[in-house]
N, C-alpha and C. Protein backbone atom coordinates (compact mmCIF):
# COMPACT_ATOMS: atom_id res chain seq x y z
N UNK A 1 147.03 194.29 99.56
CA UNK A 1 146.53 192.92 99.69
C UNK A 1 146.18 192.39 98.30
N UNK A 2 146.80 191.27 97.90
CA UNK A 2 146.58 190.70 96.58
C UNK A 2 145.34 189.81 96.62
N UNK A 3 144.41 190.07 95.70
CA UNK A 3 143.18 189.29 95.67
C UNK A 3 143.41 187.96 94.96
N UNK A 4 142.90 186.85 95.51
CA UNK A 4 143.03 185.55 94.85
C UNK A 4 142.43 185.58 93.45
N UNK A 5 142.89 184.67 92.60
CA UNK A 5 142.45 184.65 91.21
C UNK A 5 140.95 184.45 91.09
N UNK A 6 140.37 183.61 91.94
CA UNK A 6 138.93 183.35 91.90
C UNK A 6 138.36 183.64 93.28
N UNK A 7 138.27 184.91 93.60
CA UNK A 7 137.85 185.32 94.94
C UNK A 7 136.44 184.84 95.31
N UNK A 8 135.43 184.96 94.42
CA UNK A 8 134.09 184.50 94.81
C UNK A 8 134.07 183.03 95.23
N UNK A 9 134.77 182.19 94.47
CA UNK A 9 134.81 180.76 94.81
C UNK A 9 135.53 180.54 96.13
N UNK A 10 136.62 181.27 96.34
CA UNK A 10 137.37 181.14 97.60
C UNK A 10 136.52 181.56 98.79
N UNK A 11 135.72 182.60 98.62
CA UNK A 11 134.84 183.06 99.69
C UNK A 11 133.81 181.98 100.03
N UNK A 12 133.22 181.38 99.00
CA UNK A 12 132.22 180.34 99.24
C UNK A 12 132.84 179.11 99.88
N UNK A 13 134.05 178.76 99.46
CA UNK A 13 134.73 177.60 100.05
C UNK A 13 134.99 177.84 101.53
N UNK A 14 135.42 179.04 101.88
CA UNK A 14 135.67 179.37 103.28
C UNK A 14 134.37 179.40 104.08
N UNK A 15 133.31 179.92 103.47
CA UNK A 15 132.01 179.96 104.14
C UNK A 15 131.54 178.54 104.44
N UNK A 16 131.72 177.64 103.49
CA UNK A 16 131.32 176.24 103.70
C UNK A 16 132.14 175.61 104.82
N UNK A 17 133.43 175.91 104.87
CA UNK A 17 134.27 175.37 105.95
C UNK A 17 133.82 175.91 107.31
N UNK A 18 133.54 177.21 107.37
CA UNK A 18 133.11 177.82 108.63
C UNK A 18 131.74 177.29 109.06
N UNK A 19 130.93 176.91 108.08
CA UNK A 19 129.59 176.43 108.38
C UNK A 19 129.61 175.10 109.14
N UNK A 20 130.72 174.40 109.08
CA UNK A 20 130.81 173.12 109.78
C UNK A 20 130.81 173.31 111.30
N UNK A 21 131.18 174.50 111.74
CA UNK A 21 131.24 174.75 113.19
C UNK A 21 130.46 175.98 113.62
N UNK A 22 129.81 176.66 112.67
CA UNK A 22 129.09 177.89 112.98
C UNK A 22 127.76 177.93 112.26
N UNK A 23 126.81 178.66 112.84
CA UNK A 23 125.56 178.93 112.14
C UNK A 23 125.84 179.95 111.04
N UNK A 24 125.03 179.92 109.99
CA UNK A 24 125.26 180.86 108.89
C UNK A 24 125.24 182.31 109.37
N UNK A 25 124.29 182.64 110.25
CA UNK A 25 124.17 184.02 110.73
C UNK A 25 125.37 184.46 111.56
N UNK A 26 126.16 183.51 112.04
CA UNK A 26 127.32 183.84 112.86
C UNK A 26 128.59 184.01 112.03
N UNK A 27 128.51 183.76 110.73
CA UNK A 27 129.67 183.90 109.86
C UNK A 27 129.70 185.33 109.32
N UNK A 28 130.66 186.11 109.77
CA UNK A 28 130.73 187.51 109.38
C UNK A 28 131.53 187.69 108.09
N UNK A 29 131.27 188.79 107.42
CA UNK A 29 132.04 189.12 106.22
C UNK A 29 133.51 189.37 106.58
N UNK A 30 133.73 189.91 107.77
CA UNK A 30 135.10 190.13 108.21
C UNK A 30 135.85 188.82 108.36
N UNK A 31 135.19 187.82 108.95
CA UNK A 31 135.82 186.51 109.12
C UNK A 31 136.10 185.86 107.77
N UNK A 32 135.19 186.03 106.83
CA UNK A 32 135.40 185.47 105.50
C UNK A 32 136.58 186.15 104.82
N UNK A 33 136.65 187.48 104.95
CA UNK A 33 137.76 188.20 104.36
C UNK A 33 139.10 187.76 104.93
N UNK A 34 139.15 187.60 106.26
CA UNK A 34 140.39 187.16 106.91
C UNK A 34 140.79 185.77 106.43
N UNK A 35 139.80 184.88 106.28
CA UNK A 35 140.09 183.51 105.88
C UNK A 35 140.60 183.44 104.44
N UNK A 36 140.04 184.29 103.59
CA UNK A 36 140.43 184.28 102.18
C UNK A 36 141.69 185.10 101.93
N UNK A 37 141.92 186.09 102.79
CA UNK A 37 143.05 186.98 102.60
C UNK A 37 142.71 188.21 101.81
N UNK A 38 141.45 188.67 101.94
CA UNK A 38 141.01 189.89 101.27
C UNK A 38 140.31 190.77 102.30
N UNK A 39 139.99 191.98 101.90
CA UNK A 39 139.32 192.89 102.82
C UNK A 39 137.83 192.56 102.91
N UNK A 40 137.22 193.03 103.98
CA UNK A 40 135.77 192.85 104.14
C UNK A 40 135.03 193.53 102.99
N UNK A 41 135.55 194.67 102.54
CA UNK A 41 134.93 195.38 101.42
C UNK A 41 134.91 194.52 100.16
N UNK A 42 135.96 193.75 99.96
CA UNK A 42 136.02 192.87 98.78
C UNK A 42 134.94 191.80 98.85
N UNK A 43 134.71 191.27 100.04
CA UNK A 43 133.65 190.27 100.20
C UNK A 43 132.30 190.90 99.85
N UNK A 44 132.08 192.12 100.32
CA UNK A 44 130.83 192.81 100.01
C UNK A 44 130.69 193.10 98.51
N UNK A 45 131.82 193.34 97.85
CA UNK A 45 131.75 193.63 96.42
C UNK A 45 131.23 192.41 95.65
N UNK A 46 131.61 191.24 96.08
CA UNK A 46 131.17 190.03 95.39
C UNK A 46 129.79 189.56 95.86
N UNK A 47 129.49 189.79 97.13
CA UNK A 47 128.20 189.38 97.70
C UNK A 47 127.63 190.55 98.49
N UNK A 48 126.92 191.46 97.80
CA UNK A 48 126.48 192.72 98.40
C UNK A 48 125.59 192.55 99.63
N UNK A 49 124.82 191.48 99.68
CA UNK A 49 123.95 191.23 100.83
C UNK A 49 124.13 189.79 101.28
N UNK A 50 123.65 189.50 102.48
CA UNK A 50 123.74 188.13 102.97
C UNK A 50 122.84 187.19 102.16
N UNK A 51 121.81 187.74 101.54
CA UNK A 51 120.98 186.92 100.65
C UNK A 51 121.78 186.44 99.44
N UNK A 52 122.60 187.34 98.88
CA UNK A 52 123.47 186.94 97.77
C UNK A 52 124.42 185.82 98.21
N UNK A 53 125.00 186.00 99.39
CA UNK A 53 125.94 185.00 99.90
C UNK A 53 125.23 183.68 100.17
N UNK A 54 124.06 183.75 100.79
CA UNK A 54 123.31 182.55 101.13
C UNK A 54 122.94 181.75 99.88
N UNK A 55 122.44 182.44 98.87
CA UNK A 55 122.02 181.74 97.66
C UNK A 55 123.20 181.10 96.95
N UNK A 56 124.29 181.84 96.83
CA UNK A 56 125.48 181.29 96.16
C UNK A 56 126.07 180.12 96.95
N UNK A 57 126.09 180.25 98.27
CA UNK A 57 126.61 179.18 99.12
C UNK A 57 125.74 177.93 99.01
N UNK A 58 124.42 178.12 99.04
CA UNK A 58 123.51 176.98 98.94
C UNK A 58 123.68 176.27 97.60
N UNK A 59 123.86 177.05 96.55
CA UNK A 59 124.04 176.43 95.23
C UNK A 59 125.32 175.60 95.19
N UNK A 60 126.37 176.12 95.78
CA UNK A 60 127.64 175.38 95.84
C UNK A 60 127.48 174.09 96.65
N UNK A 61 126.79 174.20 97.78
CA UNK A 61 126.59 173.03 98.64
C UNK A 61 125.75 171.97 97.92
N UNK A 62 124.67 172.40 97.27
CA UNK A 62 123.83 171.45 96.54
C UNK A 62 124.65 170.69 95.50
N UNK A 63 125.49 171.41 94.78
CA UNK A 63 126.27 170.79 93.70
C UNK A 63 127.34 169.86 94.24
N UNK A 64 127.98 170.24 95.35
CA UNK A 64 129.12 169.47 95.85
C UNK A 64 128.75 168.43 96.90
N UNK A 65 127.80 168.74 97.75
CA UNK A 65 127.47 167.85 98.86
C UNK A 65 126.25 166.98 98.59
N UNK A 66 125.31 167.49 97.79
CA UNK A 66 124.04 166.78 97.61
C UNK A 66 123.68 166.57 96.13
N UNK A 67 124.61 166.11 95.32
CA UNK A 67 124.25 165.89 93.91
C UNK A 67 123.22 164.77 93.81
N UNK A 68 122.24 164.98 92.97
CA UNK A 68 121.20 163.97 92.79
C UNK A 68 121.65 162.96 91.74
N UNK A 69 121.49 161.69 92.08
CA UNK A 69 121.89 160.64 91.14
C UNK A 69 121.07 160.75 89.85
N UNK A 70 121.67 160.44 88.71
CA UNK A 70 120.91 160.46 87.45
C UNK A 70 119.75 159.47 87.50
N UNK A 71 118.67 159.79 86.80
CA UNK A 71 117.51 158.90 86.77
C UNK A 71 116.80 159.03 85.43
N UNK A 72 116.21 157.92 85.01
CA UNK A 72 115.44 157.92 83.76
C UNK A 72 114.10 157.23 83.95
N UNK A 73 113.81 156.81 85.19
CA UNK A 73 112.54 156.16 85.48
C UNK A 73 112.04 156.63 86.84
N UNK A 74 110.77 156.39 87.12
CA UNK A 74 110.21 156.79 88.40
C UNK A 74 110.90 156.07 89.56
N UNK A 75 111.10 154.75 89.51
CA UNK A 75 111.81 154.09 90.62
C UNK A 75 113.21 154.65 90.84
N UNK A 76 113.92 154.97 89.76
CA UNK A 76 115.25 155.55 89.90
C UNK A 76 115.18 156.94 90.53
N UNK A 77 114.17 157.70 90.15
CA UNK A 77 113.97 159.03 90.73
C UNK A 77 113.70 158.91 92.22
N UNK A 78 112.83 158.00 92.61
CA UNK A 78 112.52 157.80 94.02
C UNK A 78 113.76 157.36 94.80
N UNK A 79 114.56 156.48 94.22
CA UNK A 79 115.78 156.02 94.89
C UNK A 79 116.79 157.16 95.03
N UNK A 80 116.87 158.01 94.01
CA UNK A 80 117.80 159.14 94.05
C UNK A 80 117.39 160.14 95.14
N UNK A 81 116.10 160.39 95.25
CA UNK A 81 115.61 161.32 96.27
C UNK A 81 115.82 160.74 97.66
N UNK A 82 115.57 159.45 97.82
CA UNK A 82 115.78 158.80 99.12
C UNK A 82 117.26 158.92 99.54
N UNK A 83 118.16 158.69 98.60
CA UNK A 83 119.59 158.80 98.90
C UNK A 83 119.95 160.24 99.27
N UNK A 84 119.34 161.20 98.59
CA UNK A 84 119.61 162.60 98.90
C UNK A 84 119.11 162.96 100.30
N UNK A 85 117.94 162.45 100.69
CA UNK A 85 117.43 162.72 102.03
C UNK A 85 118.38 162.14 103.09
N UNK A 86 118.97 160.99 102.80
CA UNK A 86 119.96 160.43 103.73
C UNK A 86 121.19 161.33 103.80
N UNK A 87 121.57 161.90 102.66
CA UNK A 87 122.70 162.84 102.66
C UNK A 87 122.36 164.08 103.49
N UNK A 88 121.12 164.55 103.38
CA UNK A 88 120.69 165.69 104.20
C UNK A 88 120.80 165.34 105.69
N UNK A 89 120.36 164.14 106.06
CA UNK A 89 120.44 163.71 107.45
C UNK A 89 121.89 163.67 107.93
N UNK A 90 122.81 163.32 107.03
CA UNK A 90 124.22 163.20 107.40
C UNK A 90 124.90 164.56 107.56
N UNK A 91 124.39 165.58 106.86
CA UNK A 91 124.98 166.92 106.93
C UNK A 91 123.87 167.96 107.12
N UNK A 92 123.21 167.93 108.28
CA UNK A 92 122.05 168.80 108.48
C UNK A 92 122.36 170.29 108.41
N UNK A 93 123.55 170.70 108.85
CA UNK A 93 123.88 172.13 108.81
C UNK A 93 123.88 172.62 107.36
N UNK A 94 124.46 171.84 106.47
CA UNK A 94 124.46 172.20 105.05
C UNK A 94 123.04 172.15 104.49
N UNK A 95 122.30 171.13 104.86
CA UNK A 95 120.95 170.96 104.32
C UNK A 95 120.04 172.12 104.74
N UNK A 96 120.17 172.57 105.98
CA UNK A 96 119.32 173.67 106.44
C UNK A 96 119.67 174.98 105.74
N UNK A 97 120.93 175.16 105.36
CA UNK A 97 121.30 176.34 104.59
C UNK A 97 120.62 176.30 103.22
N UNK A 98 120.62 175.13 102.60
CA UNK A 98 119.95 174.98 101.30
C UNK A 98 118.45 175.23 101.43
N UNK A 99 117.86 174.72 102.51
CA UNK A 99 116.43 174.93 102.73
C UNK A 99 116.12 176.40 102.94
N UNK A 100 116.95 177.07 103.70
CA UNK A 100 116.73 178.50 103.97
C UNK A 100 116.87 179.32 102.69
N UNK A 101 117.85 178.97 101.87
CA UNK A 101 118.06 179.72 100.63
C UNK A 101 116.86 179.62 99.70
N UNK A 102 116.15 178.50 99.77
CA UNK A 102 114.99 178.30 98.90
C UNK A 102 113.83 179.22 99.25
N UNK A 103 113.87 179.83 100.44
CA UNK A 103 112.76 180.67 100.88
C UNK A 103 112.95 182.14 100.53
N UNK A 104 114.12 182.52 100.02
CA UNK A 104 114.38 183.92 99.72
C UNK A 104 114.17 184.20 98.24
N UNK A 105 113.97 185.46 97.91
CA UNK A 105 113.82 185.84 96.50
C UNK A 105 115.16 185.63 95.79
N UNK A 106 115.15 185.04 94.60
CA UNK A 106 116.40 184.77 93.89
C UNK A 106 117.20 186.05 93.63
N UNK A 107 118.50 185.97 93.81
CA UNK A 107 119.38 187.10 93.52
C UNK A 107 120.27 186.81 92.33
N UNK A 108 120.21 185.56 91.82
CA UNK A 108 121.07 185.14 90.73
C UNK A 108 120.22 184.67 89.56
N UNK A 109 120.46 185.21 88.38
CA UNK A 109 119.78 184.73 87.19
C UNK A 109 120.43 183.42 86.77
N UNK A 110 119.61 182.40 86.58
CA UNK A 110 120.18 181.09 86.26
C UNK A 110 119.30 180.36 85.26
N UNK A 111 119.92 179.47 84.52
CA UNK A 111 119.18 178.61 83.62
C UNK A 111 118.38 177.60 84.45
N UNK A 112 117.33 177.00 83.86
CA UNK A 112 116.59 175.97 84.59
C UNK A 112 117.53 174.89 85.12
N UNK A 113 117.30 174.47 86.35
CA UNK A 113 118.18 173.51 86.99
C UNK A 113 118.12 172.15 86.29
N UNK A 114 119.20 171.39 86.47
CA UNK A 114 119.24 170.03 85.93
C UNK A 114 118.02 169.24 86.38
N UNK A 115 117.66 169.38 87.65
CA UNK A 115 116.54 168.60 88.19
C UNK A 115 115.25 168.93 87.45
N UNK A 116 115.01 170.20 87.18
CA UNK A 116 113.79 170.59 86.46
C UNK A 116 113.74 169.95 85.08
N UNK A 117 114.85 170.02 84.37
CA UNK A 117 114.89 169.44 83.02
C UNK A 117 114.72 167.92 83.07
N UNK A 118 115.35 167.28 84.06
CA UNK A 118 115.26 165.83 84.16
C UNK A 118 113.84 165.39 84.50
N UNK A 119 113.18 166.12 85.39
CA UNK A 119 111.80 165.77 85.76
C UNK A 119 110.87 165.98 84.57
N UNK A 120 111.05 167.07 83.84
CA UNK A 120 110.21 167.32 82.67
C UNK A 120 110.37 166.20 81.64
N UNK A 121 111.60 165.75 81.44
CA UNK A 121 111.84 164.65 80.50
C UNK A 121 111.18 163.37 80.99
N UNK A 122 111.24 163.13 82.29
CA UNK A 122 110.63 161.94 82.88
C UNK A 122 109.11 161.98 82.70
N UNK A 123 108.52 163.13 82.98
CA UNK A 123 107.06 163.26 82.86
C UNK A 123 106.60 163.16 81.41
N UNK A 124 107.43 163.64 80.50
CA UNK A 124 107.07 163.56 79.09
C UNK A 124 106.91 162.10 78.65
N UNK A 125 107.62 161.20 79.32
CA UNK A 125 107.52 159.78 79.00
C UNK A 125 106.34 159.13 79.73
N UNK A 126 106.20 159.44 81.02
CA UNK A 126 105.20 158.75 81.84
C UNK A 126 103.83 159.42 81.82
N UNK A 127 103.77 160.67 81.41
CA UNK A 127 102.48 161.37 81.31
C UNK A 127 102.49 162.22 80.04
N UNK A 128 102.54 161.58 78.87
CA UNK A 128 102.72 162.30 77.61
C UNK A 128 101.56 163.20 77.21
N UNK A 129 100.40 163.04 77.84
CA UNK A 129 99.24 163.86 77.47
C UNK A 129 99.19 165.19 78.22
N UNK A 130 100.12 165.43 79.12
CA UNK A 130 100.12 166.68 79.89
C UNK A 130 100.36 167.87 78.97
N UNK A 131 99.57 168.94 79.17
CA UNK A 131 99.88 170.17 78.45
C UNK A 131 101.04 170.87 79.16
N UNK A 132 101.58 171.91 78.54
CA UNK A 132 102.79 172.54 79.06
C UNK A 132 102.56 173.14 80.45
N UNK A 133 101.40 173.74 80.68
CA UNK A 133 101.14 174.33 82.00
C UNK A 133 101.14 173.27 83.09
N UNK A 134 100.44 172.16 82.85
CA UNK A 134 100.38 171.10 83.85
C UNK A 134 101.73 170.40 84.00
N UNK A 135 102.48 170.31 82.90
CA UNK A 135 103.81 169.72 82.97
C UNK A 135 104.70 170.53 83.90
N UNK A 136 104.66 171.84 83.75
CA UNK A 136 105.50 172.70 84.59
C UNK A 136 105.02 172.70 86.04
N UNK A 137 103.70 172.63 86.22
CA UNK A 137 103.16 172.61 87.58
C UNK A 137 103.57 171.32 88.30
N UNK A 138 103.46 170.20 87.59
CA UNK A 138 103.83 168.92 88.20
C UNK A 138 105.34 168.83 88.42
N UNK A 139 106.10 169.40 87.50
CA UNK A 139 107.56 169.44 87.68
C UNK A 139 107.91 170.22 88.95
N UNK A 140 107.25 171.35 89.15
CA UNK A 140 107.51 172.16 90.35
C UNK A 140 107.11 171.39 91.61
N UNK A 141 106.01 170.63 91.54
CA UNK A 141 105.58 169.82 92.68
C UNK A 141 106.65 168.79 93.04
N UNK A 142 107.11 168.06 92.04
CA UNK A 142 108.13 167.04 92.28
C UNK A 142 109.42 167.66 92.80
N UNK A 143 109.78 168.80 92.22
CA UNK A 143 111.03 169.44 92.62
C UNK A 143 110.96 169.90 94.07
N UNK A 144 109.82 170.43 94.49
CA UNK A 144 109.69 170.86 95.88
C UNK A 144 109.77 169.68 96.84
N UNK A 145 109.04 168.60 96.54
CA UNK A 145 109.02 167.47 97.45
C UNK A 145 110.35 166.71 97.48
N UNK A 146 111.23 166.99 96.52
CA UNK A 146 112.56 166.37 96.51
C UNK A 146 113.62 167.31 97.08
N UNK A 147 113.21 168.42 97.66
CA UNK A 147 114.15 169.48 98.04
C UNK A 147 114.55 169.45 99.51
N UNK A 148 115.61 170.20 99.81
CA UNK A 148 116.03 170.38 101.20
C UNK A 148 114.96 171.12 101.99
N UNK A 149 114.22 171.99 101.33
CA UNK A 149 113.16 172.74 102.00
C UNK A 149 112.09 171.78 102.54
N UNK A 150 111.68 170.81 101.73
CA UNK A 150 110.69 169.84 102.18
C UNK A 150 111.27 168.95 103.27
N UNK A 151 112.51 168.49 103.06
CA UNK A 151 113.18 167.67 104.08
C UNK A 151 113.22 168.41 105.42
N UNK A 152 113.59 169.69 105.40
CA UNK A 152 113.69 170.47 106.63
C UNK A 152 112.33 170.62 107.31
N UNK A 153 111.30 170.81 106.50
CA UNK A 153 109.96 170.96 107.07
C UNK A 153 109.51 169.68 107.77
N UNK A 154 109.77 168.55 107.16
CA UNK A 154 109.40 167.27 107.76
C UNK A 154 110.28 166.95 108.98
N UNK A 155 111.54 167.31 108.88
CA UNK A 155 112.49 167.02 109.97
C UNK A 155 112.15 167.84 111.21
N UNK A 156 111.92 169.14 111.02
CA UNK A 156 111.68 170.00 112.18
C UNK A 156 110.22 169.94 112.65
N UNK A 157 109.30 169.77 111.71
CA UNK A 157 107.89 169.78 112.08
C UNK A 157 107.38 168.47 112.64
N UNK A 158 107.95 167.35 112.16
CA UNK A 158 107.44 166.05 112.56
C UNK A 158 108.53 165.10 113.05
N UNK A 159 109.77 165.58 113.13
CA UNK A 159 110.89 164.76 113.60
C UNK A 159 110.99 163.46 112.81
N UNK A 160 110.83 163.56 111.50
CA UNK A 160 110.84 162.38 110.65
C UNK A 160 112.26 162.07 110.18
N UNK A 161 112.54 160.79 110.00
CA UNK A 161 113.84 160.35 109.49
C UNK A 161 113.88 160.47 107.97
N UNK A 162 115.06 160.26 107.41
CA UNK A 162 115.20 160.33 105.96
C UNK A 162 114.28 159.33 105.27
N UNK A 163 114.21 158.11 105.78
CA UNK A 163 113.36 157.09 105.15
C UNK A 163 111.88 157.45 105.26
N UNK A 164 111.48 158.00 106.40
CA UNK A 164 110.08 158.40 106.56
C UNK A 164 109.73 159.54 105.60
N UNK A 165 110.64 160.48 105.44
CA UNK A 165 110.40 161.59 104.51
C UNK A 165 110.36 161.07 103.08
N UNK A 166 111.24 160.12 102.77
CA UNK A 166 111.25 159.54 101.43
C UNK A 166 109.96 158.78 101.16
N UNK A 167 109.41 158.13 102.18
CA UNK A 167 108.14 157.43 102.00
C UNK A 167 107.02 158.41 101.64
N UNK A 168 107.04 159.58 102.30
CA UNK A 168 106.05 160.62 101.96
C UNK A 168 106.24 161.06 100.52
N UNK A 169 107.50 161.26 100.14
CA UNK A 169 107.79 161.66 98.75
C UNK A 169 107.27 160.62 97.77
N UNK A 170 107.55 159.35 98.04
CA UNK A 170 107.13 158.28 97.12
C UNK A 170 105.61 158.29 96.94
N UNK A 171 104.87 158.39 98.05
CA UNK A 171 103.41 158.37 97.96
C UNK A 171 102.90 159.60 97.21
N UNK A 172 103.51 160.75 97.51
CA UNK A 172 103.09 161.98 96.84
C UNK A 172 103.36 161.92 95.35
N UNK A 173 104.55 161.45 94.99
CA UNK A 173 104.92 161.36 93.58
C UNK A 173 104.00 160.41 92.83
N UNK A 174 103.72 159.26 93.42
CA UNK A 174 102.86 158.28 92.75
C UNK A 174 101.44 158.81 92.60
N UNK A 175 100.93 159.46 93.64
CA UNK A 175 99.58 160.01 93.58
C UNK A 175 99.48 161.08 92.50
N UNK A 176 100.45 161.98 92.48
CA UNK A 176 100.44 163.06 91.50
C UNK A 176 100.59 162.52 90.08
N UNK A 177 101.46 161.53 89.92
CA UNK A 177 101.69 160.97 88.59
C UNK A 177 100.47 160.19 88.10
N UNK A 178 99.84 159.43 88.99
CA UNK A 178 98.64 158.69 88.61
C UNK A 178 97.52 159.65 88.20
N UNK A 179 97.39 160.74 88.96
CA UNK A 179 96.36 161.73 88.63
C UNK A 179 96.64 162.39 87.29
N UNK A 180 97.91 162.70 87.05
CA UNK A 180 98.28 163.34 85.78
C UNK A 180 98.05 162.40 84.61
N UNK A 181 98.39 161.14 84.79
CA UNK A 181 98.23 160.16 83.72
C UNK A 181 96.76 159.94 83.39
N UNK A 182 95.90 160.09 84.42
CA UNK A 182 94.47 159.90 84.22
C UNK A 182 93.76 161.18 83.82
N UNK A 183 94.53 162.28 83.73
CA UNK A 183 93.94 163.55 83.35
C UNK A 183 93.19 164.23 84.46
N UNK A 184 93.49 163.86 85.73
CA UNK A 184 92.83 164.48 86.88
C UNK A 184 93.78 165.47 87.52
N UNK A 185 93.25 166.50 88.22
CA UNK A 185 94.11 167.42 88.96
C UNK A 185 94.88 166.67 90.04
N UNK A 186 96.10 167.07 90.28
CA UNK A 186 96.91 166.45 91.33
C UNK A 186 96.34 166.78 92.69
N UNK A 187 96.41 165.82 93.62
CA UNK A 187 95.94 166.06 94.98
C UNK A 187 96.92 166.92 95.78
N UNK A 188 98.14 166.99 95.31
CA UNK A 188 99.16 167.76 96.03
C UNK A 188 99.70 168.83 95.11
N UNK A 189 98.99 169.98 94.98
CA UNK A 189 99.45 171.04 94.10
C UNK A 189 100.84 171.52 94.48
N UNK A 190 101.51 172.15 93.53
CA UNK A 190 102.87 172.62 93.75
C UNK A 190 102.96 173.50 94.98
N UNK A 191 103.88 173.14 95.89
CA UNK A 191 104.13 173.96 97.07
C UNK A 191 103.18 173.71 98.22
N UNK A 192 102.10 172.91 98.01
CA UNK A 192 101.14 172.70 99.08
C UNK A 192 101.55 171.49 99.90
N UNK A 193 102.55 171.67 100.75
CA UNK A 193 103.04 170.55 101.55
C UNK A 193 102.15 170.26 102.73
N UNK A 194 101.42 171.27 103.22
CA UNK A 194 100.70 171.11 104.47
C UNK A 194 99.67 169.99 104.38
N UNK A 195 98.99 169.88 103.23
CA UNK A 195 97.97 168.85 103.11
C UNK A 195 98.60 167.47 103.16
N UNK A 196 99.70 167.30 102.43
CA UNK A 196 100.40 166.02 102.44
C UNK A 196 101.00 165.74 103.80
N UNK A 197 101.55 166.78 104.44
CA UNK A 197 102.17 166.59 105.74
C UNK A 197 101.17 166.06 106.76
N UNK A 198 99.99 166.67 106.81
CA UNK A 198 99.01 166.26 107.80
C UNK A 198 98.53 164.85 107.54
N UNK A 199 98.42 164.49 106.27
CA UNK A 199 97.92 163.16 105.94
C UNK A 199 98.96 162.09 106.23
N UNK A 200 100.24 162.40 105.96
CA UNK A 200 101.27 161.36 106.02
C UNK A 200 102.11 161.40 107.28
N UNK A 201 102.00 162.46 108.05
CA UNK A 201 102.83 162.54 109.25
C UNK A 201 102.40 161.47 110.25
N UNK A 202 103.37 160.88 110.96
CA UNK A 202 103.02 159.85 111.93
C UNK A 202 102.27 160.43 113.11
């Protein structure tokens, strides 16, 4: 059996295609091997565990299905996140895979994501007095509230639409940014969605 030139990419492409009609847990390595034209052992060689496969697949989906629009201002950032939430609503199977991947321990060493760098640059302009620790903490807060993980939590926990979730994001971002600009602790620390959820849920 001749292995394709870029087997890992071919495996991920087939996994994404299968995901349109199957749950991630129902996609077997054997089915992926058959679809790509390689052995099941070859699939395992590239993705030793399902966590490896899930993380790589989610990264591919984020890049291809849910690219975030460029932004250089807070209103542009809010508009980009709102558009992404609508994209999540349009392709929930893909979005839930991305959300699930965010909950596992990373298996891939990667450079800081574009979103992290873009948010840090944005905060450097709008909250220039932040020290590095608070800058990174606020960046992580913004990144979480703009993520598929947050979208999934609001969608499944409160049956909220994309616009309703985006409204929560807008209020959270403005509150955190105002607090940072004034030198006060943010009301919504990184990763603490429950407090915001209870306050903003309908």
